[in-house]
């Protein structure tokens, strides 16, 4: 019975990932929101919109079954999963910072 419940939950997780993966239009809205945050000047907001449109058009979207990778110049810059976009550089920086913190704690404890 436990195995069946685990299997059902696993299938539900896969279905949630599949049905909530973001689209190319979602990426455009996400980038626009990130760039135009705090822009009160109409001209600056329009320029930010133009820049984000150009950026989105220069990207390649690789739609996987459960997530979406956004590549620019052959490098993956964003990953979309479960209705969210993740900046790969920011995530890598956070992981490295956490790794350094763990290593400093381990060295300090010896």
C-alpha atoms as a PDB file:
ATOM      1  CA  UNK A   1       0.000   0.000   0.000  1.00  0.00           C
ATOM      2  CA  UNK A   2       2.844   2.397   0.833  1.00  0.00           C
ATOM      3  CA  UNK A   3       4.440   1.801  -2.553  1.00  0.00           C
ATOM      4  CA  UNK A   4       1.179   2.592  -4.310  1.00  0.00           C
ATOM      5  CA  UNK A   5       0.789   5.886  -2.417  1.00  0.00           C
ATOM      6  CA  UNK A   6       4.387   6.831  -3.239  1.00  0.00           C
ATOM      7  CA  UNK A   7       3.754   6.015  -6.908  1.00  0.00           C
ATOM      8  CA  UNK A   8       0.569   8.117  -6.981  1.00  0.00           C
ATOM      9  CA  UNK A   9       2.375  11.057  -5.367  1.00  0.00           C
ATOM     10  CA  UNK A  10       5.237  10.700  -7.847  1.00  0.00           C
ATOM     11  CA  UNK A  11       2.835  10.743 -10.794  1.00  0.00           C
ATOM     12  CA  UNK A  12       1.075  13.775  -9.292  1.00  0.00           C
ATOM     13  CA  UNK A  13       4.431  15.569  -8.990  1.00  0.00           C
ATOM     14  CA  UNK A  14       5.265  14.812 -12.622  1.00  0.00           C
ATOM     15  CA  UNK A  15       1.828  16.014 -13.750  1.00  0.00           C
ATOM     16  CA  UNK A  16       2.206  19.238 -11.747  1.00  0.00           C
ATOM     17  CA  UNK A  17       5.627  19.870 -13.297  1.00  0.00           C
ATOM     18  CA  UNK A  18       4.301  19.232 -16.799  1.00  0.00           C
ATOM     19  CA  UNK A  19       1.205  21.409 -16.525  1.00  0.00           C
ATOM     20  CA  UNK A  20       2.871  24.322 -14.714  1.00  0.00           C
ATOM     21  CA  UNK A  21       6.019  24.703 -16.819  1.00  0.00           C
ATOM     22  CA  UNK A  22       6.235  28.309 -18.021  1.00  0.00           C
ATOM     23  CA  UNK A  23       5.895  29.363 -21.646  1.00  0.00           C
ATOM     24  CA  UNK A  24       7.850  31.741 -23.871  1.00  0.00           C
ATOM     25  CA  UNK A  25       5.258  34.456 -23.221  1.00  0.00           C
ATOM     26  CA  UNK A  26       5.706  33.957 -19.473  1.00  0.00           C
ATOM     27  CA  UNK A  27       9.435  34.474 -19.942  1.00  0.00           C
ATOM     28  CA  UNK A  28       8.830  37.755 -21.751  1.00  0.00           C
ATOM     29  CA  UNK A  29       6.607  38.988 -18.924  1.00  0.00           C
ATOM     30  CA  UNK A  30       9.138  37.844 -16.307  1.00  0.00           C
ATOM     31  CA  UNK A  31      12.056  39.647 -17.977  1.00  0.00           C
ATOM     32  CA  UNK A  32       9.967  42.799 -18.455  1.00  0.00           C
ATOM     33  CA  UNK A  33       8.960  42.775 -14.795  1.00  0.00           C
ATOM     34  CA  UNK A  34      12.581  42.324 -13.714  1.00  0.00           C
ATOM     35  CA  UNK A  35      13.888  45.115 -15.926  1.00  0.00           C
ATOM     36  CA  UNK A  36      11.080  47.636 -15.488  1.00  0.00           C
ATOM     37  CA  UNK A  37      10.734  47.327 -11.700  1.00  0.00           C
ATOM     38  CA  UNK A  38      10.717  50.792 -10.177  1.00  0.00           C
ATOM     39  CA  UNK A  39      10.628  52.616 -13.535  1.00  0.00           C
ATOM     40  CA  UNK A  40       8.298  55.574 -13.060  1.00  0.00           C
ATOM     41  CA  UNK A  41       9.401  57.481 -16.139  1.00  0.00           C
ATOM     42  CA  UNK A  42       7.363  56.498 -19.199  1.00  0.00           C
ATOM     43  CA  UNK A  43      10.372  56.853 -21.523  1.00  0.00           C
ATOM     44  CA  UNK A  44      12.575  54.651 -19.333  1.00  0.00           C
ATOM     45  CA  UNK A  45       9.804  52.072 -19.027  1.00  0.00           C
ATOM     46  CA  UNK A  46       9.402  52.007 -22.819  1.00  0.00           C
ATOM     47  CA  UNK A  47      13.147  51.610 -23.281  1.00  0.00           C
ATOM     48  CA  UNK A  48      13.188  48.757 -20.757  1.00  0.00           C
ATOM     49  CA  UNK A  49      10.350  47.084 -22.672  1.00  0.00           C
ATOM     50  CA  UNK A  50      12.292  47.411 -25.941  1.00  0.00           C
ATOM     51  CA  UNK A  51      15.440  45.944 -24.369  1.00  0.00           C
ATOM     52  CA  UNK A  52      13.584  43.002 -22.886  1.00  0.00           C
ATOM     53  CA  UNK A  53      11.863  42.279 -26.194  1.00  0.00           C
ATOM     54  CA  UNK A  54      15.238  42.262 -27.946  1.00  0.00           C
ATOM     55  CA  UNK A  55      16.707  39.997 -25.265  1.00  0.00           C
ATOM     56  CA  UNK A  56      13.790  37.559 -25.451  1.00  0.00           C
ATOM     57  CA  UNK A  57      14.003  37.411 -29.254  1.00  0.00           C
ATOM     58  CA  UNK A  58      17.722  36.610 -29.099  1.00  0.00           C
ATOM     59  CA  UNK A  59      17.111  33.594 -26.845  1.00  0.00           C
ATOM     60  CA  UNK A  60      16.504  29.985 -27.796  1.00  0.00           C
ATOM     61  CA  UNK A  61      13.823  28.078 -25.894  1.00  0.00           C
ATOM     62  CA  UNK A  62      14.385  24.366 -25.297  1.00  0.00           C
ATOM     63  CA  UNK A  63      11.112  22.888 -24.095  1.00  0.00           C
ATOM     64  CA  UNK A  64      11.704  19.758 -22.048  1.00  0.00           C
ATOM     65  CA  UNK A  65       8.799  17.714 -20.786  1.00  0.00           C
ATOM     66  CA  UNK A  66       9.012  19.003 -17.211  1.00  0.00           C
ATOM     67  CA  UNK A  67      10.966  22.273 -17.561  1.00  0.00           C
ATOM     68  CA  UNK A  68      12.102  24.897 -20.070  1.00  0.00           C
ATOM     69  CA  UNK A  69      15.688  26.016 -20.652  1.00  0.00           C
ATOM     70  CA  UNK A  70      16.401  29.442 -22.142  1.00  0.00           C
ATOM     71  CA  UNK A  71      19.716  29.687 -23.952  1.00  0.00           C
ATOM     72  CA  UNK A  72      21.547  32.712 -25.264  1.00  0.00           C
ATOM     73  CA  UNK A  73      24.724  32.351 -27.307  1.00  0.00           C
ATOM     74  CA  UNK A  74      24.792  28.628 -26.501  1.00  0.00           C
ATOM     75  CA  UNK A  75      24.732  29.145 -22.726  1.00  0.00           C
ATOM     76  CA  UNK A  76      21.727  28.335 -20.545  1.00  0.00           C
ATOM     77  CA  UNK A  77      20.791  31.545 -18.731  1.00  0.00           C
ATOM     78  CA  UNK A  78      17.329  30.740 -17.314  1.00  0.00           C
ATOM     79  CA  UNK A  79      15.420  27.610 -16.392  1.00  0.00           C
ATOM     80  CA  UNK A  80      11.655  27.574 -15.946  1.00  0.00           C
ATOM     81  CA  UNK A  81       9.922  24.985 -13.799  1.00  0.00           C
ATOM     82  CA  UNK A  82       6.760  24.810 -11.690  1.00  0.00           C
ATOM     83  CA  UNK A  83       5.605  28.210 -12.943  1.00  0.00           C
ATOM     84  CA  UNK A  84       8.810  30.029 -11.931  1.00  0.00           C
ATOM     85  CA  UNK A  85      11.929  31.266 -13.690  1.00  0.00           C
ATOM     86  CA  UNK A  86      15.362  30.687 -12.182  1.00  0.00           C
ATOM     87  CA  UNK A  87      18.406  32.724 -13.205  1.00  0.00           C
ATOM     88  CA  UNK A  88      21.180  30.146 -13.532  1.00  0.00           C
ATOM     89  CA  UNK A  89      23.966  32.601 -12.619  1.00  0.00           C
ATOM     90  CA  UNK A  90      22.178  33.671  -9.432  1.00  0.00           C
ATOM     91  CA  UNK A  91      21.499  30.076  -8.412  1.00  0.00           C
ATOM     92  CA  UNK A  92      25.127  29.093  -9.069  1.00  0.00           C
ATOM     93  CA  UNK A  93      26.331  32.044  -6.988  1.00  0.00           C
ATOM     94  CA  UNK A  94      24.023  31.099  -4.115  1.00  0.00           C
ATOM     95  CA  UNK A  95      25.209  27.480  -4.229  1.00  0.00           C
ATOM     96  CA  UNK A  96      28.865  28.550  -4.196  1.00  0.00           C
ATOM     97  CA  UNK A  97      28.243  30.902  -1.263  1.00  0.00           C
ATOM     98  CA  UNK A  98      26.536  28.118   0.689  1.00  0.00           C
ATOM     99  CA  UNK A  99      29.366  25.707  -0.149  1.00  0.00           C
ATOM    100  CA  UNK A 100      31.974  28.188   1.084  1.00  0.00           C
ATOM    101  CA  UNK A 101      30.001  28.768   4.277  1.00  0.00           C
ATOM    102  CA  UNK A 102      29.783  25.022   4.943  1.00  0.00           C
ATOM    103  CA  UNK A 103      33.496  24.596   4.282  1.00  0.00           C
ATOM    104  CA  UNK A 104      34.361  27.442   6.653  1.00  0.00           C
ATOM    105  CA  UNK A 105      32.164  25.918   9.371  1.00  0.00           C
ATOM    106  CA  UNK A 106      33.772  22.509   8.847  1.00  0.00           C
ATOM    107  CA  UNK A 107      37.300  23.964   9.013  1.00  0.00           C
ATOM    108  CA  UNK A 108      36.435  26.044  12.054  1.00  0.00           C
ATOM    109  CA  UNK A 109      35.081  23.007  13.900  1.00  0.00           C
ATOM    110  CA  UNK A 110      38.272  20.953  13.539  1.00  0.00           C
END
